[in-house]
Amino acid sequence: MWFARLGHDVEVVTEGRGCYRVGKVAFLDNTGKDKFRRKPDIVQIIGPTPFFSEQCVKFAKKEGLRVVYHVSAFPGLSSYYHNPIGSIIDAAYKRLNLYRNVSNCDLVVSNTHDFAESSLSFYDGPIEIIPNGIDVDEFNGHPQQHKTNGNRILFVGQLRRYKGLPFLIQAVKQLREQGKDLTLDIVGGGPDKQRIETLIARAGLQSSIFLHGELSDEELSLVYDKSTVLVLPSVQAESFGIVLLEAASHGLPVIATDLPGVREVVEFLGGTIVPTKNSDALAKAVERALDYSLAYQGTTFPRDAFSWKNIAMRYLDSYSKILGIPTNKEPSAIEDLAEAEALEVAT
């Protein structure tokens, strides 16, 4: 959106717009290939999405195009099917397909330094660190005062095994058994929903943990406003954790597990880091956060650092380097770049 606002022509290839799926595997179709044949100046890939992302790299390079690959976390089959076979297939896909194609790109983008260090050792080309952003107008963009809606813990994200929800559910159970009056709101949908519902029922927490499914931006904003603390208990495969920014923009303290990507964001936001797969540590961190919230008045959210406009200009600066267009560090110079068509490949 901001690329277009800044005067650039953008076309998007994504599911239903140049891409189709067979089961859980995505493929580039002829409509998508035609967009590459129009010779955009830059192809921006957001992935990985097997085998769509790799097809886009191959087809773009065949057309002689410059390719920027934003490497996000890869949940893979193991997040759907919790068995050794899924992990073996995921590892083979990365080694034999993903890594080879990413290595052919002109630039790789990572959201954080520590995710790049932990996940991009296979790539010896140029890397830019550009964080995700949020719409600072859509979300509040300023701290909220102490909320009076009780002790409401919030999780926002896909219901997949790598999100670590069983450990958060166990932490809630421990705190309630200690006499803490609290609730957990789970926002999001995904393949692990039935298992999460079963875990909640077995723990006898149906009146304390609520699954809301996927919500609109307006509905989600209201949920943030009613919450006391956000917890992201992931056990693997996080590259950033944009919900951490959304929560912080609403003045919520944030708790997340010690993983590359989210760790860097939480530390920047002044949140709490806990070990992975540790419900005891989660329970203690939540308890401290709830006690702290009684006097919490919020801090100023760094709007400029994470506004999509500034993120877009950082991407444009990276594109200009690849295209050999002189730039400097001033935003005005970025906005004055020669108009270039960009093809964005989304997942």
Protein backbone atom coordinates (compact mmCIF):
# COMPACT_ATOMS: atom_id res chain seq x y z
CA MET A 1 0.00 0.00 0.00
CA TRP A 2 2.74 2.47 0.92
CA PHE A 3 4.74 1.62 -2.20
CA ALA A 4 1.76 2.80 -4.25
CA ARG A 5 1.27 5.88 -2.06
CA LEU A 6 4.92 6.78 -2.64
CA GLY A 7 4.37 6.71 -6.39
CA HIS A 8 5.41 3.20 -7.44
CA ASP A 9 3.48 0.71 -9.56
CA VAL A 10 2.88 -2.52 -7.67
CA GLU A 11 1.39 -5.83 -8.74
CA VAL A 12 0.77 -8.67 -6.29
CA VAL A 13 0.90 -12.40 -6.91
CA THR A 14 -0.78 -14.43 -4.21
CA GLU A 15 -3.37 -17.18 -3.84
CA GLY A 16 -6.17 -16.59 -6.34
CA ARG A 17 -4.10 -13.91 -8.11
CA GLY A 18 -1.44 -15.84 -9.96
CA CYS A 19 -1.14 -18.76 -7.57
CA TYR A 20 -3.17 -21.89 -6.88
CA ARG A 21 -3.01 -24.70 -4.32
CA VAL A 22 -3.14 -28.46 -4.49
CA GLY A 23 -3.79 -29.46 -0.91
CA LYS A 24 -1.29 -27.50 1.17
CA VAL A 25 1.20 -26.95 -1.66
CA ALA A 26 1.07 -23.73 -3.71
CA PHE A 27 2.07 -23.30 -7.36
CA LEU A 28 2.63 -20.34 -9.68
CA ASP A 29 0.08 -20.29 -12.52
CA ASN A 30 0.16 -18.70 -15.97
CA THR A 31 -1.42 -15.47 -14.76
CA GLY A 32 1.37 -15.13 -12.23
CA LYS A 33 4.03 -15.94 -14.82
CA ASP A 34 2.65 -13.23 -17.10
CA LYS A 35 3.29 -10.66 -14.36
CA PHE A 36 6.95 -11.70 -14.31
CA ARG A 37 7.12 -11.45 -18.09
CA ARG A 38 6.18 -7.76 -17.82
CA LYS A 39 9.72 -7.18 -16.52
CA PRO A 40 9.21 -5.40 -13.19
CA ASP A 41 12.34 -3.79 -11.80
CA ILE A 42 12.15 -5.69 -8.52
CA VAL A 43 10.52 -8.94 -7.45
CA GLN A 44 9.86 -8.96 -3.69
CA ILE A 45 9.15 -12.43 -2.34
CA ILE A 46 7.63 -13.01 1.09
CA GLY A 47 8.08 -16.61 2.10
CA PRO A 48 8.69 -19.44 2.27
CA THR A 49 5.57 -21.09 0.89
CA PRO A 50 6.41 -24.47 -0.67
CA PHE A 51 6.81 -24.64 -3.63
CA PHE A 52 5.42 -21.32 -4.73
CA SER A 53 8.26 -19.21 -3.34
CA GLU A 54 10.94 -21.24 -5.08
CA GLN A 55 9.03 -21.24 -8.37
CA CYS A 56 8.90 -17.45 -8.18
CA VAL A 57 12.66 -17.24 -7.66
CA LYS A 58 13.35 -19.58 -10.57
CA PHE A 59 10.97 -17.83 -12.96
CA ALA A 60 12.16 -14.35 -11.97
CA LYS A 61 15.81 -15.27 -12.49
CA LYS A 62 14.92 -16.92 -15.82
CA GLU A 63 13.49 -13.53 -16.87
CA GLY A 64 16.66 -11.77 -15.69
CA LEU A 65 14.91 -9.95 -12.82
CA ARG A 66 16.29 -8.69 -9.52
CA VAL A 67 14.90 -10.67 -6.56
CA VAL A 68 14.57 -9.67 -2.91
CA TYR A 69 13.52 -12.49 -0.59
CA HIS A 70 12.02 -11.71 2.81
CA VAL A 71 12.66 -14.90 4.78
CA SER A 72 10.10 -15.48 7.52
CA ALA A 73 9.78 -18.44 9.85
CA PHE A 74 8.80 -21.74 8.25
CA PRO A 75 6.31 -23.73 10.40
CA GLY A 76 6.12 -26.51 7.81
CA LEU A 77 4.32 -29.84 7.95
CA SER A 78 5.49 -30.42 11.50
CA SER A 79 3.11 -27.69 12.67
CA TYR A 80 0.22 -29.67 11.17
CA TYR A 81 1.39 -33.22 11.83
CA HIS A 82 3.32 -33.77 15.03
CA ASN A 83 5.38 -36.75 13.95
CA PRO A 84 8.95 -37.47 12.77
CA ILE A 85 7.91 -37.81 9.14
CA GLY A 86 6.72 -34.19 8.98
CA SER A 87 10.02 -32.96 10.43
CA ILE A 88 12.04 -35.07 7.99
CA ILE A 89 10.07 -33.71 5.02
CA ASP A 90 10.49 -30.15 6.27
CA ALA A 91 14.25 -30.59 6.63
CA ALA A 92 14.54 -32.08 3.13
CA TYR A 93 12.48 -29.24 1.65
CA LYS A 94 14.74 -26.63 3.21
CA ARG A 95 18.01 -28.31 2.24
CA LEU A 96 17.12 -29.44 -1.28
CA ASN A 97 14.81 -26.64 -2.43
CA LEU A 98 14.45 -23.55 -0.24
CA TYR A 99 18.12 -22.90 0.58
CA ARG A 100 19.28 -23.42 -3.00
CA ASN A 101 16.78 -20.94 -4.41
CA VAL A 102 17.19 -18.29 -1.72
CA SER A 103 20.94 -18.39 -2.40
CA ASN A 104 20.22 -17.22 -5.97
CA CYS A 105 18.51 -14.02 -4.82
CA ASP A 106 20.06 -10.56 -5.00
CA LEU A 107 19.14 -9.66 -1.43
CA VAL A 108 17.68 -11.40 1.60
CA VAL A 109 15.69 -9.50 4.22
CA SER A 110 15.28 -10.63 7.81
CA ASN A 111 13.10 -8.91 10.39
CA THR A 112 15.66 -9.17 13.19
CA HIS A 113 19.39 -9.65 13.63
CA ASP A 114 19.14 -12.74 15.80
CA PHE A 115 16.75 -14.53 13.41
CA ALA A 116 19.19 -13.83 10.57
CA GLU A 117 22.09 -15.20 12.63
CA SER A 118 20.19 -18.35 13.59
CA SER A 119 18.46 -19.14 10.28
CA LEU A 120 20.44 -17.68 7.37
CA SER A 121 23.85 -19.28 7.81
CA PHE A 122 23.36 -21.02 4.43
CA TYR A 123 23.25 -17.66 2.63
CA ASP A 124 26.46 -15.72 1.93
CA GLY A 125 24.95 -12.80 -0.01
CA PRO A 126 23.82 -9.37 1.20
CA ILE A 127 21.30 -9.25 4.07
CA GLU A 128 19.22 -6.30 5.23
CA ILE A 129 17.52 -6.18 8.64
CA ILE A 130 14.11 -4.54 8.24
CA PRO A 131 11.44 -5.08 10.92
CA ASN A 132 7.77 -5.62 10.34
CA GLY A 133 5.46 -2.70 10.93
CA ILE A 134 1.94 -1.90 11.99
CA ASP A 135 -0.64 0.61 10.88
CA VAL A 136 -0.16 3.14 13.66
CA ASP A 137 -3.45 4.83 12.75
CA GLU A 138 -5.40 1.56 12.77
CA PHE A 139 -4.02 0.67 16.18
CA ASN A 140 -3.95 3.16 18.97
CA GLY A 141 -0.33 4.15 18.75
CA HIS A 142 -0.33 5.47 22.31
CA PRO A 143 -0.22 3.85 25.75
CA GLN A 144 -3.41 2.85 27.50
CA GLN A 145 -3.96 3.61 31.13
CA HIS A 146 -4.61 0.85 33.67
CA LYS A 147 -7.47 -1.34 32.49
CA THR A 148 -10.34 -2.12 34.85
CA ASN A 149 -11.61 -5.25 33.12
CA GLY A 150 -9.90 -7.72 35.45
CA ASN A 151 -6.83 -9.87 34.83
CA ARG A 152 -7.17 -10.80 31.17
CA ILE A 153 -4.30 -12.62 29.50
CA LEU A 154 -4.25 -12.48 25.71
CA PHE A 155 -2.81 -14.73 23.01
CA VAL A 156 -3.09 -13.71 19.35
CA GLY A 157 -1.85 -15.99 16.57
CA GLN A 158 -2.44 -19.09 14.51
CA LEU A 159 -3.45 -22.22 16.38
CA ARG A 160 -0.47 -24.35 15.42
CA ARG A 161 1.73 -26.61 17.50
CA TYR A 162 4.76 -24.32 17.31
CA LYS A 163 2.84 -21.57 19.11
CA GLY A 164 3.19 -23.41 22.43
CA LEU A 165 -0.36 -22.88 23.70
CA PRO A 166 -0.38 -26.04 25.89
CA PHE A 167 2.28 -24.43 28.10
CA LEU A 168 0.24 -21.24 28.46
CA ILE A 169 -2.89 -23.25 29.27
CA GLN A 170 -0.95 -25.13 31.96
CA ALA A 171 0.36 -21.83 33.35
CA VAL A 172 -3.21 -20.50 33.59
CA LYS A 173 -4.26 -23.68 35.39
CA GLN A 174 -1.41 -23.30 37.90
CA LEU A 175 -2.30 -19.68 38.63
CA ARG A 176 -5.99 -20.41 39.08
CA GLU A 177 -5.17 -23.28 41.42
CA GLN A 178 -3.17 -20.75 43.44
CA GLY A 179 -6.30 -18.62 43.75
CA LYS A 180 -5.53 -16.09 41.02
CA ASP A 181 -8.63 -14.63 39.37
CA LEU A 182 -7.73 -14.45 35.69
CA THR A 183 -8.91 -15.41 32.22
CA LEU A 184 -7.18 -16.21 28.95
CA ASP A 185 -8.48 -15.00 25.58
CA ILE A 186 -7.17 -16.91 22.55
CA VAL A 187 -7.62 -15.11 19.24
CA GLY A 188 -6.90 -16.92 15.98
CA GLY A 189 -7.72 -20.02 13.99
CA GLY A 190 -5.73 -22.92 12.65
CA PRO A 191 -5.17 -26.66 12.42
CA ASP A 192 -4.56 -27.13 16.16
CA LYS A 193 -7.95 -25.84 17.29
CA GLN A 194 -9.45 -29.20 18.22
CA ARG A 195 -6.42 -30.22 20.28
CA ILE A 196 -6.49 -26.89 22.13
CA GLU A 197 -10.19 -27.31 22.89
CA THR A 198 -9.47 -30.79 24.26
CA LEU A 199 -6.65 -29.50 26.47
CA ILE A 200 -8.88 -26.76 27.87
CA ALA A 201 -11.63 -29.26 28.65
CA ARG A 202 -9.25 -31.71 30.32
CA ALA A 203 -7.90 -28.89 32.48
CA GLY A 204 -11.46 -27.91 33.45
CA LEU A 205 -10.88 -24.35 32.25
CA GLN A 206 -13.87 -23.86 29.93
CA SER A 207 -15.08 -20.95 32.07
CA SER A 208 -11.62 -19.32 32.18
CA ILE A 209 -10.18 -19.77 28.67
CA PHE A 210 -12.08 -18.49 25.64
CA LEU A 211 -11.40 -19.23 21.97
CA HIS A 212 -12.55 -16.31 19.80
CA GLY A 213 -11.45 -17.53 16.38
CA GLU A 214 -10.29 -15.01 13.80
CA LEU A 215 -11.39 -11.42 14.40
CA SER A 216 -11.58 -8.30 12.26
CA ASP A 217 -9.05 -5.55 12.92
CA GLU A 218 -11.72 -3.53 14.71
CA GLU A 219 -12.71 -6.46 16.92
CA LEU A 220 -9.09 -7.28 17.67
CA SER A 221 -8.39 -3.69 18.66
CA LEU A 222 -11.21 -3.88 21.21
CA VAL A 223 -9.80 -7.13 22.61
CA TYR A 224 -6.38 -5.52 23.03
CA ASP A 225 -7.98 -2.65 24.92
CA LYS A 226 -9.70 -5.05 27.34
CA SER A 227 -6.56 -7.11 27.99
CA THR A 228 -3.94 -6.81 30.70
CA VAL A 229 -0.93 -8.62 29.22
CA LEU A 230 -0.06 -10.36 25.95
CA VAL A 231 1.74 -13.72 25.99
CA LEU A 232 3.44 -15.36 23.01
CA PRO A 233 4.54 -18.82 24.27
CA SER A 234 6.02 -20.16 21.01
CA VAL A 235 8.35 -23.13 21.09
CA GLN A 236 9.97 -22.69 17.64
CA ALA A 237 9.88 -20.93 14.27
CA GLU A 238 9.26 -17.26 15.03
CA SER A 239 10.95 -14.54 13.02
CA PHE A 240 9.38 -11.45 14.58
CA GLY A 241 5.98 -11.64 16.30
CA ILE A 242 4.00 -8.69 14.95
CA VAL A 243 1.36 -9.19 17.66
CA LEU A 244 3.98 -7.95 20.12
CA LEU A 245 3.94 -4.57 18.37
CA GLU A 246 0.16 -4.48 18.23
CA ALA A 247 -0.08 -5.21 21.95
CA ALA A 248 2.58 -2.65 22.84
CA SER A 249 0.81 -0.01 20.76
CA HIS A 250 -2.16 -0.57 23.06
CA GLY A 251 0.02 -0.17 26.12
CA LEU A 252 0.13 -3.86 27.09
CA PRO A 253 3.21 -5.41 28.67
CA VAL A 254 4.40 -8.39 26.61
CA ILE A 255 5.79 -11.81 27.53
CA ALA A 256 7.42 -14.16 25.03
CA THR A 257 9.70 -17.17 24.95
CA ASP A 258 13.43 -17.05 24.39
CA LEU A 259 13.53 -17.51 20.62
CA PRO A 260 15.42 -15.66 17.89
CA GLY A 261 13.25 -12.96 16.37
CA VAL A 262 10.72 -12.46 19.15
CA ARG A 263 13.50 -12.13 21.72
CA GLU A 264 14.90 -9.07 19.98
CA VAL A 265 11.48 -7.44 19.65
CA VAL A 266 10.51 -8.10 23.28
CA GLU A 267 13.80 -6.69 24.56
CA PHE A 268 13.28 -3.56 22.45
CA LEU A 269 9.77 -3.16 23.90
CA GLY A 270 10.96 -3.72 27.48
CA GLY A 271 8.98 -6.96 27.87
CA THR A 272 9.74 -10.24 29.62
CA ILE A 273 11.56 -13.24 28.14
CA VAL A 274 11.01 -16.74 29.55
CA PRO A 275 12.46 -20.16 28.61
CA THR A 276 10.60 -22.19 25.99
CA LYS A 277 8.36 -25.10 27.00
CA ASN A 278 8.28 -23.98 30.62
CA SER A 279 4.80 -23.44 32.09
CA ASP A 280 6.24 -22.65 35.54
CA ALA A 281 8.27 -19.76 34.15
CA LEU A 282 5.27 -18.56 32.15
CA ALA A 283 3.08 -18.62 35.25
CA LYS A 284 5.59 -16.59 37.27
CA ALA A 285 6.03 -14.05 34.47
CA VAL A 286 2.26 -13.66 34.04
CA GLU A 287 1.80 -13.23 37.80
CA ARG A 288 4.45 -10.51 37.90
CA ALA A 289 2.93 -8.78 34.88
CA LEU A 290 -0.55 -8.80 36.43
CA ASP A 291 0.79 -7.34 39.69
CA TYR A 292 2.79 -4.77 37.75
CA SER A 293 -0.26 -3.73 35.73
CA LEU A 294 -1.87 -2.31 38.88
CA ALA A 295 0.58 0.58 38.69
CA TYR A 296 1.39 0.39 34.99
CA GLN A 297 0.92 3.66 33.14
CA GLY A 298 2.47 2.60 29.87
CA THR A 299 5.39 3.94 27.89
CA THR A 300 5.52 5.84 24.64
CA PHE A 301 5.21 3.46 21.73
CA PRO A 302 7.97 4.00 19.11
CA ARG A 303 5.61 4.90 16.27
CA ASP A 304 8.26 6.00 13.78
CA ALA A 305 10.36 2.86 14.16
CA PHE A 306 7.49 0.59 13.15
CA SER A 307 5.23 2.67 10.92
CA TRP A 308 4.58 0.97 7.58
CA LYS A 309 5.48 4.16 5.74
CA ASN A 310 9.00 4.17 7.17
CA ILE A 311 9.33 0.41 6.67
CA ALA A 312 8.32 0.85 3.02
CA MET A 313 10.94 3.56 2.54
CA ARG A 314 13.61 1.27 3.99
CA TYR A 315 12.66 -1.38 1.43
CA LEU A 316 12.80 1.22 -1.35
CA ASP A 317 16.27 2.22 -0.20
CA SER A 318 17.34 -1.43 -0.44
CA TYR A 319 15.82 -1.74 -3.91
CA SER A 320 17.68 1.34 -5.07
CA LYS A 321 21.01 -0.22 -4.05
CA ILE A 322 20.27 -3.32 -6.10
CA LEU A 323 19.22 -1.21 -9.09
CA GLY A 324 22.24 1.07 -8.78
CA ILE A 325 20.19 4.19 -8.02
CA PRO A 326 22.09 6.69 -5.83
CA THR A 327 20.47 7.33 -2.46
CA ASN A 328 21.25 8.85 0.88
CA LYS A 329 19.78 8.41 4.34
CA GLU A 330 17.24 11.21 4.08
CA PRO A 331 13.62 10.03 3.70
CA SER A 332 13.01 12.70 1.06
CA ALA A 333 15.67 11.12 -1.13
CA ILE A 334 13.99 7.74 -0.83
CA GLU A 335 10.67 9.23 -1.87
CA ASP A 336 12.36 10.83 -4.90
CA LEU A 337 13.69 7.54 -6.28
CA ALA A 338 13.14 7.00 -9.98
CA GLU A 339 9.75 5.38 -10.40
CA ALA A 340 10.17 1.61 -10.58
CA GLU A 341 7.60 -1.07 -11.04
CA ALA A 342 7.65 -3.69 -8.28
CA LEU A 343 6.16 -7.17 -8.26
CA GLU A 344 5.38 -8.33 -4.74
CA VAL A 345 4.96 -12.04 -4.17
CA ALA A 346 2.92 -12.60 -1.03
CA THR A 347 2.00 -15.70 0.91
